[in-house]
Amino acid sequence: MAQADAAALSRGAEAARAFQLTRVPPDFIDDPYPYYAALRAHDPVHDLETGGVFLSRYEDALAVYRNPQASSDKKEEFRPKFGDSPLYEHHTTSLVFSDPPLHTRVRRLMTGALNQRAIARMEQDVVTLVDRLLVGLGDAREADFIEDFALQIPIAVIGNLLAVPRSERGPLRGWSIAILSGLEPAPDAALLERGNRAVIEFKDYLRGLVAERKRTPGDPEVDVLTRLIQGERNGEQLTENELYHNCIFMLNAGHETTTNLLGNGIWLLLENPGELARLRADPGLLNTAIEEMLRYEGPIQLNNRRLAAPMELGGRTLPASTYVTIGIGAANRDAQQFPDAGRFDVGRRPNRHLTFGQGDHACSGMNVARMEARIAFGRLLARFAKIELAGAPERDRRIRFRGFRRLPVRVS
């Protein structure tokens, strides 16, 4: 036994030493968590060959999130990766990859449009949409849970927030995937070309939409695009470019988070029938179940910062300008923070996962995603007594985002 333990320890240490995001092992995308465990145990502040470090422990990730000297501005990092391109313009203008004062100005406008009153007003439309989609699942012999259910919800919600005509929503998902795929650790030329083309096409579409909304404003209490165009009462407004790119960001962030949360969540419930039965028996566990889905199989696995000042992490002093990759998926499985971290537990409390970030850069749309998931899972489980896989799921092969391309199901 001691010899087997020593061999396992040696394999873990070697896996940690060899780990690089730009050339992950063949089995990493299907199950990255053994690699994250090896990193936490053997090299929690791990050097990346592209420069910077990868963090796998919860306390280190949280410290960076809370450090005001950990910058989200990506101009310096993205210039070599994207060059002077539409992708560079987009990812350095959107809310998520900016620092004050741009971040403060954009976030104030967006969070004002996504407050609790606004979310409450959305709920009935989401209920109506989910019920219609569930009828379709029930009528089908078998369905793709991603295509036929999970991705339809955020596209409709963000489309409604921006008042995008339903007949014009067809390209939105493709644009979103192409733009966000450029954020992968090692995107190839074809991936970048698709991303750049998507930014151009999306901006061209928004020009027409914005022009129409300026001619015929909507109600700023429910029409986020009208609110963003008009700005705050103190006269604070986005520039035209900031407006375009943050509308794109809203769609991308909302689509990716909710689609993956719903797909990962139903897969977890089907893979853990005891927890599914527990949730059915006690629907009051729905909110904690959603938080556990976010922790256990987070829709976003990586985040990034650049240190504007030296920082102590894991016994090392990292100099200013160090690029830090926060392993959200790794931190969310850290047993030092989450007892029995490798177990999916729909009643887990407390559950201070890092999926939505922390501090000033906490996800501005996180309560919209939670609302969508609460309605979707609550009504799905109430409507169908039986939900089962109808074939092998197909995972999305990206590293930063974790979800499924296809998830065949049968319901009855």
Protein backbone atom coordinates (compact mmCIF):
# COMPACT_ATOMS: atom_id res chain seq x y z
CA MET A 1 0.00 0.00 0.00
CA ALA A 2 2.80 2.39 0.94
CA GLN A 3 4.52 1.64 -2.38
CA ALA A 4 1.28 2.34 -4.32
CA ASP A 5 0.79 5.61 -2.41
CA ALA A 6 4.34 6.67 -3.20
CA ALA A 7 3.84 5.88 -6.88
CA ALA A 8 0.60 7.88 -6.97
CA LEU A 9 2.34 10.79 -5.24
CA SER A 10 5.14 10.66 -7.80
CA ARG A 11 2.66 10.63 -10.70
CA GLY A 12 0.84 13.60 -9.20
CA ALA A 13 4.05 15.56 -8.80
CA GLU A 14 5.05 14.82 -12.40
CA ALA A 15 1.61 15.81 -13.70
CA ALA A 16 1.90 19.12 -11.83
CA ARG A 17 5.40 19.81 -13.16
CA ALA A 18 4.40 19.10 -16.76
CA PHE A 19 1.10 21.00 -16.75
CA GLN A 20 0.63 23.76 -19.35
CA LEU A 21 -2.62 25.32 -20.50
CA THR A 22 -1.31 25.64 -24.05
CA ARG A 23 -0.83 21.85 -24.39
CA VAL A 24 -3.12 20.07 -21.98
CA PRO A 25 -3.13 16.24 -21.79
CA PRO A 26 -5.63 14.38 -24.02
CA ASP A 27 -7.96 13.57 -21.10
CA PHE A 28 -7.89 17.03 -19.53
CA ILE A 29 -11.03 18.50 -21.13
CA ASP A 30 -13.14 15.49 -20.17
CA ASP A 31 -11.86 15.58 -16.58
CA PRO A 32 -9.47 18.38 -15.56
CA TYR A 33 -9.92 17.86 -11.84
CA PRO A 34 -7.17 15.27 -11.19
CA TYR A 35 -4.69 17.71 -12.75
CA TYR A 36 -6.02 20.54 -10.61
CA ALA A 37 -5.65 18.32 -7.53
CA ALA A 38 -2.05 17.54 -8.45
CA LEU A 39 -1.31 21.25 -8.84
CA ARG A 40 -2.89 22.11 -5.48
CA ALA A 41 -0.84 19.39 -3.78
CA HIS A 42 2.52 19.90 -5.48
CA ASP A 43 2.74 23.27 -7.21
CA PRO A 44 -0.12 25.63 -6.25
CA VAL A 45 1.59 28.69 -7.79
CA HIS A 46 2.65 27.03 -11.03
CA ASP A 47 4.83 28.68 -13.67
CA LEU A 48 3.39 28.79 -17.18
CA GLU A 49 5.69 28.64 -20.18
CA THR A 50 3.92 31.61 -21.75
CA GLY A 51 4.79 33.68 -18.68
CA GLY A 52 2.91 34.19 -15.46
CA VAL A 53 1.51 31.66 -13.01
CA PHE A 54 -1.51 29.38 -12.60
CA LEU A 55 -3.27 29.36 -9.23
CA SER A 56 -5.13 26.25 -8.06
CA ARG A 57 -5.82 26.92 -4.36
CA TYR A 58 -8.92 28.70 -3.12
CA GLU A 59 -7.16 31.04 -0.69
CA ASP A 60 -4.72 32.24 -3.38
CA ALA A 61 -7.48 32.79 -5.92
CA LEU A 62 -9.55 34.73 -3.40
CA ALA A 63 -6.55 36.85 -2.41
CA VAL A 64 -6.01 37.90 -6.03
CA TYR A 65 -9.70 38.67 -6.55
CA ARG A 66 -9.61 40.91 -3.48
CA ASN A 67 -6.33 42.63 -4.29
CA PRO A 68 -6.93 46.16 -5.68
CA GLN A 69 -3.50 45.94 -7.32
CA ALA A 70 -4.57 42.94 -9.43
CA SER A 71 -5.58 44.57 -12.71
CA SER A 72 -8.22 43.30 -15.12
CA ASP A 73 -7.04 45.57 -17.94
CA LYS A 74 -5.87 43.33 -20.77
CA LYS A 75 -4.38 45.82 -23.24
CA GLU A 76 -0.79 44.76 -22.58
CA GLU A 77 -1.58 41.04 -22.53
CA PHE A 78 -3.90 40.97 -25.54
CA ARG A 79 -1.87 43.13 -27.94
CA PRO A 80 0.60 40.32 -28.81
CA LYS A 81 -2.22 37.77 -28.97
CA PHE A 82 -4.74 39.70 -31.09
CA GLY A 83 -2.74 42.50 -32.69
CA ASP A 84 -4.61 45.58 -33.86
CA SER A 85 -7.81 43.69 -34.57
CA PRO A 86 -11.56 43.73 -33.89
CA LEU A 87 -11.05 41.08 -31.18
CA TYR A 88 -8.48 43.31 -29.46
CA GLU A 89 -10.84 46.27 -29.61
CA HIS A 90 -13.72 44.22 -28.21
CA HIS A 91 -11.91 42.46 -25.37
CA THR A 92 -10.19 45.64 -24.16
CA THR A 93 -13.38 47.74 -24.23
CA SER A 94 -15.86 45.38 -22.56
CA LEU A 95 -16.67 45.52 -18.87
CA VAL A 96 -14.91 42.33 -17.84
CA PHE A 97 -11.43 43.26 -19.11
CA SER A 98 -11.20 46.85 -17.93
CA ASP A 99 -10.23 48.83 -14.83
CA PRO A 100 -11.63 52.07 -13.47
CA PRO A 101 -12.65 54.57 -14.69
CA LEU A 102 -14.09 52.65 -17.71
CA HIS A 103 -15.09 49.66 -15.59
CA THR A 104 -16.80 51.82 -12.98
CA ARG A 105 -18.75 53.81 -15.56
CA VAL A 106 -19.91 50.79 -17.56
CA ARG A 107 -20.71 48.68 -14.50
CA ARG A 108 -22.83 51.44 -12.94
CA LEU A 109 -24.93 51.66 -16.10
CA MET A 110 -25.28 47.89 -16.48
CA THR A 111 -26.02 47.02 -12.86
CA GLY A 112 -28.58 49.81 -12.77
CA ALA A 113 -30.32 48.05 -15.64
CA LEU A 114 -30.04 44.61 -13.98
CA ASN A 115 -31.23 45.44 -10.47
CA GLN A 116 -33.57 43.22 -8.45
CA ARG A 117 -36.69 45.04 -9.70
CA ALA A 118 -35.61 44.52 -13.29
CA ILE A 119 -34.93 40.82 -12.66
CA ALA A 120 -38.33 40.40 -11.01
CA ARG A 121 -39.97 41.94 -14.08
CA MET A 122 -38.23 39.38 -16.30
CA GLU A 123 -39.45 36.35 -14.36
CA GLN A 124 -42.88 35.84 -15.92
CA ASP A 125 -41.44 36.02 -19.44
CA VAL A 126 -38.84 33.40 -18.45
CA VAL A 127 -41.56 31.16 -16.97
CA THR A 128 -43.57 31.42 -20.19
CA LEU A 129 -40.51 30.66 -22.32
CA VAL A 130 -39.41 27.69 -20.18
CA ASP A 131 -42.90 26.18 -20.21
CA ARG A 132 -43.02 26.45 -24.00
CA LEU A 133 -39.61 24.81 -24.33
CA LEU A 134 -40.64 22.02 -21.95
CA VAL A 135 -43.65 21.25 -24.14
CA GLY A 136 -41.19 20.79 -27.01
CA LEU A 137 -38.99 18.46 -24.92
CA GLY A 138 -42.04 16.42 -23.94
CA ASP A 139 -43.31 16.13 -27.51
CA ALA A 140 -39.96 14.95 -28.89
CA ARG A 141 -38.94 11.29 -28.87
CA GLU A 142 -35.55 12.55 -27.86
CA ALA A 143 -34.07 16.05 -27.73
CA ASP A 144 -30.75 17.82 -27.43
CA PHE A 145 -30.94 19.51 -24.04
CA ILE A 146 -28.42 22.17 -25.15
CA GLU A 147 -29.87 23.13 -28.53
CA ASP A 148 -33.54 22.66 -27.64
CA PHE A 149 -33.54 24.09 -24.12
CA ALA A 150 -30.39 25.42 -22.43
CA LEU A 151 -29.18 27.89 -25.05
CA GLN A 152 -32.69 29.09 -25.95
CA ILE A 153 -33.20 30.67 -22.53
CA PRO A 154 -30.28 33.13 -22.34
CA ILE A 155 -30.57 34.08 -26.01
CA ALA A 156 -34.22 35.00 -25.39
CA VAL A 157 -33.50 36.81 -22.11
CA ILE A 158 -30.62 38.91 -23.46
CA GLY A 159 -32.49 39.43 -26.72
CA ASN A 160 -35.43 40.76 -24.73
CA LEU A 161 -33.22 42.98 -22.57
CA LEU A 162 -31.77 44.59 -25.68
CA ALA A 163 -35.11 44.36 -27.52
CA VAL A 164 -33.53 42.48 -30.43
CA PRO A 165 -36.38 41.42 -32.76
CA ARG A 166 -36.94 37.66 -32.49
CA SER A 167 -36.56 37.24 -36.24
CA GLU A 168 -33.02 38.68 -36.03
CA ARG A 169 -31.62 36.52 -33.21
CA GLY A 170 -30.39 33.66 -35.41
CA PRO A 171 -26.71 34.72 -35.66
CA LEU A 172 -26.29 35.67 -31.98
CA ARG A 173 -25.09 32.32 -30.66
CA GLY A 174 -22.55 31.81 -33.46
CA TRP A 175 -21.14 35.30 -32.97
CA SER A 176 -20.87 34.71 -29.23
CA ILE A 177 -19.01 31.40 -29.50
CA ALA A 178 -16.62 32.75 -32.13
CA ILE A 179 -15.73 35.85 -30.10
CA LEU A 180 -15.26 34.02 -26.80
CA SER A 181 -13.24 31.20 -28.39
CA GLY A 182 -10.53 33.77 -29.07
CA LEU A 183 -9.90 33.81 -25.31
CA GLU A 184 -8.64 30.21 -25.31
CA PRO A 185 -5.01 29.85 -24.14
CA ALA A 186 -3.72 28.96 -27.63
CA PRO A 187 -6.19 29.99 -30.37
CA ASP A 188 -5.11 29.14 -33.91
CA ALA A 189 -5.32 31.49 -36.90
CA ALA A 190 -8.67 30.09 -38.07
CA LEU A 191 -10.21 30.61 -34.63
CA LEU A 192 -8.98 34.20 -34.51
CA GLU A 193 -10.25 34.89 -38.02
CA ARG A 194 -13.74 33.65 -37.07
CA GLY A 195 -13.67 35.76 -33.92
CA ASN A 196 -12.63 38.91 -35.75
CA ARG A 197 -15.30 38.41 -38.40
CA ALA A 198 -17.92 37.88 -35.68
CA VAL A 199 -17.02 41.16 -33.96
CA ILE A 200 -17.31 43.05 -37.26
CA GLU A 201 -20.67 41.47 -38.12
CA PHE A 202 -22.05 41.95 -34.61
CA LYS A 203 -21.04 45.64 -34.55
CA ASP A 204 -22.57 46.18 -37.99
CA TYR A 205 -25.83 44.70 -36.72
CA LEU A 206 -25.77 46.82 -33.55
CA ARG A 207 -25.25 50.03 -35.54
CA GLY A 208 -28.64 49.56 -37.13
CA LEU A 209 -30.28 48.49 -33.86
CA VAL A 210 -28.87 51.50 -31.97
CA ALA A 211 -29.87 53.92 -34.74
CA GLU A 212 -33.43 52.59 -34.64
CA ARG A 213 -33.55 52.82 -30.83
CA LYS A 214 -32.34 56.42 -30.94
CA ARG A 215 -35.16 57.23 -33.37
CA THR A 216 -37.71 55.32 -31.29
CA PRO A 217 -36.56 54.92 -27.67
CA GLY A 218 -38.02 52.16 -25.54
CA ASP A 219 -38.87 52.26 -21.84
CA PRO A 220 -35.48 52.51 -20.06
CA GLU A 221 -36.93 50.61 -17.09
CA VAL A 222 -37.20 47.44 -19.20
CA ASP A 223 -35.18 48.16 -22.36
CA VAL A 224 -31.50 47.93 -21.40
CA LEU A 225 -30.31 49.23 -24.76
CA THR A 226 -32.38 52.41 -24.39
CA ARG A 227 -31.00 52.83 -20.87
CA LEU A 228 -27.40 52.40 -22.03
CA ILE A 229 -27.95 54.88 -24.88
CA GLN A 230 -29.53 57.50 -22.63
CA GLY A 231 -27.01 57.07 -19.80
CA GLU A 232 -27.43 58.19 -16.22
CA ARG A 233 -29.32 61.21 -14.96
CA ASN A 234 -25.98 62.93 -14.22
CA GLY A 235 -25.25 62.90 -17.96
CA GLU A 236 -22.76 60.01 -17.82
CA GLN A 237 -22.91 58.05 -21.08
CA LEU A 238 -21.00 55.39 -22.97
CA THR A 239 -19.20 56.29 -26.15
CA GLU A 240 -20.61 54.66 -29.27
CA ASN A 241 -17.80 52.09 -29.33
CA GLU A 242 -18.22 51.30 -25.62
CA LEU A 243 -21.94 50.84 -26.21
CA TYR A 244 -21.43 48.33 -29.04
CA HIS A 245 -18.82 46.28 -27.23
CA ASN A 246 -20.69 46.11 -23.95
CA CYS A 247 -23.87 45.00 -25.70
CA ILE A 248 -21.77 42.23 -27.25
CA PHE A 249 -20.33 41.45 -23.82
CA MET A 250 -23.81 41.18 -22.28
CA LEU A 251 -24.88 38.62 -24.85
CA ASN A 252 -21.63 36.65 -24.63
CA ALA A 253 -21.50 36.50 -20.85
CA GLY A 254 -25.19 35.71 -20.47
CA HIS A 255 -25.19 33.03 -23.16
CA GLU A 256 -22.06 31.24 -22.00
CA THR A 257 -22.83 31.23 -18.28
CA THR A 258 -26.46 30.15 -18.40
CA THR A 259 -26.20 27.62 -21.23
CA ASN A 260 -23.29 25.86 -19.53
CA LEU A 261 -24.89 26.07 -16.08
CA LEU A 262 -28.05 24.39 -17.34
CA GLY A 263 -26.24 21.72 -19.35
CA ASN A 264 -23.71 20.92 -16.62
CA GLY A 265 -26.46 20.97 -14.01
CA ILE A 266 -28.75 18.42 -15.65
CA TRP A 267 -25.76 16.19 -16.40
CA LEU A 268 -24.72 16.32 -12.73
CA LEU A 269 -28.21 15.41 -11.58
CA LEU A 270 -28.39 12.48 -14.01
CA GLU A 271 -24.92 11.30 -12.98
CA ASN A 272 -25.90 11.53 -9.29
CA PRO A 273 -29.38 9.95 -9.08
CA GLY A 274 -29.33 10.01 -5.27
CA GLU A 275 -28.93 13.79 -5.30
CA LEU A 276 -31.60 14.12 -8.00
CA ALA A 277 -34.01 12.10 -5.83
CA ARG A 278 -33.08 14.23 -2.82
CA LEU A 279 -33.86 17.42 -4.76
CA ARG A 280 -37.15 16.05 -6.05
CA ALA A 281 -38.14 15.11 -2.50
CA ASP A 282 -37.20 18.56 -1.16
CA PRO A 283 -37.63 21.31 -3.80
CA GLY A 284 -36.53 23.78 -1.11
CA LEU A 285 -32.98 22.65 -1.92
CA LEU A 286 -33.18 24.14 -5.43
CA ASN A 287 -31.14 27.27 -4.66
CA THR A 288 -28.37 25.37 -2.89
CA ALA A 289 -28.39 22.80 -5.72
CA ILE A 290 -27.78 25.58 -8.27
CA GLU A 291 -24.89 26.95 -6.21
CA GLU A 292 -23.42 23.45 -6.07
CA MET A 293 -23.73 23.09 -9.86
CA LEU A 294 -21.85 26.38 -10.19
CA ARG A 295 -19.13 25.13 -7.85
CA TYR A 296 -18.76 21.55 -8.98
CA GLU A 297 -18.82 22.08 -12.76
CA GLY A 298 -18.44 25.82 -13.17
CA PRO A 299 -19.36 27.22 -16.61
CA ILE A 300 -16.23 29.39 -16.56
CA GLN A 301 -13.02 27.68 -15.46
CA LEU A 302 -10.34 30.37 -15.83
CA ASN A 303 -9.90 34.06 -15.12
CA ASN A 304 -6.91 36.37 -15.42
CA ARG A 305 -5.26 39.30 -13.69
CA ARG A 306 -2.01 41.26 -14.04
CA LEU A 307 -0.29 42.40 -10.86
CA ALA A 308 0.29 46.13 -10.68
CA ALA A 309 2.42 45.65 -7.54
CA PRO A 310 4.36 42.73 -6.00
CA MET A 311 2.24 40.13 -4.19
CA GLU A 312 2.96 37.21 -1.83
CA LEU A 313 1.27 33.99 -2.90
CA GLY A 314 1.97 30.45 -1.81
CA GLY A 315 5.28 31.37 -0.22
CA ARG A 316 6.49 33.20 -3.32
CA THR A 317 6.85 36.90 -4.03
CA LEU A 318 5.44 37.58 -7.47
CA PRO A 319 6.79 40.80 -9.02
CA ALA A 320 4.69 43.57 -10.50
CA SER A 321 3.52 42.84 -14.08
CA THR A 322 3.13 39.10 -13.36
CA TYR A 323 0.22 37.58 -15.28
CA VAL A 324 -1.96 35.46 -13.02
CA THR A 325 -4.35 32.79 -14.30
CA ILE A 326 -6.94 32.00 -11.65
CA GLY A 327 -8.01 28.36 -11.86
CA ILE A 328 -11.64 28.85 -10.85
CA GLY A 329 -12.46 25.18 -11.44
CA ALA A 330 -9.44 24.16 -9.36
CA ALA A 331 -10.20 26.54 -6.50
CA ASN A 332 -13.81 25.36 -6.38
CA ARG A 333 -12.64 21.78 -5.68
CA ASP A 334 -10.20 22.76 -2.90
CA ALA A 335 -10.91 20.55 0.14
CA GLN A 336 -9.42 23.19 2.45
CA GLN A 337 -12.48 25.34 1.66
CA PHE A 338 -15.07 22.72 0.68
CA PRO A 339 -15.20 19.57 2.87
CA ASP A 340 -15.59 16.45 0.74
CA ALA A 341 -14.99 18.71 -2.27
CA GLY A 342 -15.14 15.87 -4.79
CA ARG A 343 -18.76 15.07 -3.89
CA PHE A 344 -21.73 16.74 -5.59
CA ASP A 345 -24.03 17.78 -2.72
CA VAL A 346 -27.28 19.62 -3.55
CA GLY A 347 -27.61 20.76 0.07
CA ARG A 348 -24.05 22.05 0.54
CA ARG A 349 -23.80 24.92 3.01
CA PRO A 350 -21.83 27.10 3.15
CA ASN A 351 -20.80 27.25 -0.50
CA ARG A 352 -18.62 30.29 -1.16
CA HIS A 353 -17.59 29.25 -4.66
CA LEU A 354 -15.67 31.61 -6.93
CA THR A 355 -17.55 30.98 -10.17
CA PHE A 356 -18.91 34.53 -10.37
CA GLY A 357 -15.69 36.13 -9.11
CA GLN A 358 -15.43 38.45 -6.15
CA GLY A 359 -15.23 42.14 -5.34
CA ASP A 360 -15.54 44.95 -7.88
CA HIS A 361 -15.39 42.49 -10.79
CA ALA A 362 -18.03 40.06 -9.52
CA CYS A 363 -20.27 39.10 -12.44
CA SER A 364 -22.87 41.84 -12.94
CA GLY A 365 -25.37 39.37 -14.41
CA MET A 366 -25.01 36.59 -11.83
CA ASN A 367 -28.49 37.08 -10.39
CA VAL A 368 -30.02 36.89 -13.87
CA ALA A 369 -28.27 33.53 -14.39
CA ARG A 370 -29.47 32.29 -11.01
CA MET A 371 -33.03 33.34 -11.79
CA GLU A 372 -32.95 31.57 -15.18
CA ALA A 373 -31.58 28.39 -13.58
CA ARG A 374 -34.08 28.46 -10.72
CA ILE A 375 -37.04 28.68 -13.10
CA ALA A 376 -35.59 26.22 -15.61
CA PHE A 377 -34.73 23.44 -13.13
CA GLY A 378 -37.75 24.03 -10.92
CA ARG A 379 -40.22 23.67 -13.76
CA LEU A 380 -38.28 20.90 -15.53
CA LEU A 381 -38.27 18.67 -12.45
CA ALA A 382 -41.90 19.45 -11.61
CA ARG A 383 -43.09 18.63 -15.14
CA PHE A 384 -41.18 15.40 -15.87
CA ALA A 385 -41.01 12.42 -13.52
CA LYS A 386 -38.36 10.79 -15.66
CA ILE A 387 -35.34 12.42 -17.33
CA GLU A 388 -32.58 10.26 -18.80
CA LEU A 389 -29.69 10.45 -21.22
CA ALA A 390 -30.60 9.33 -24.73
CA GLY A 391 -27.04 9.01 -25.98
CA ALA A 392 -23.45 9.97 -25.23
CA PRO A 393 -23.01 13.67 -24.36
CA GLU A 394 -20.49 15.63 -26.42
CA ARG A 395 -18.33 18.02 -24.46
CA ASP A 396 -17.31 21.45 -25.69
CA ARG A 397 -13.56 21.16 -26.32
CA ARG A 398 -12.63 24.56 -24.95
CA ILE A 399 -10.57 25.02 -21.77
CA ARG A 400 -11.74 28.39 -20.42
CA PHE A 401 -15.42 27.48 -20.70
CA ARG A 402 -16.86 24.19 -19.51
CA GLY A 403 -20.04 22.77 -20.95
CA PHE A 404 -21.53 20.49 -23.60
CA ARG A 405 -22.04 20.84 -27.33
CA ARG A 406 -24.73 18.17 -27.32
CA LEU A 407 -26.61 16.47 -24.50
CA PRO A 408 -29.24 14.01 -25.82
CA VAL A 409 -32.11 13.41 -23.37
CA ARG A 410 -35.51 11.71 -23.14
CA VAL A 411 -38.21 12.93 -20.77
CA SER A 412 -41.58 11.56 -19.73
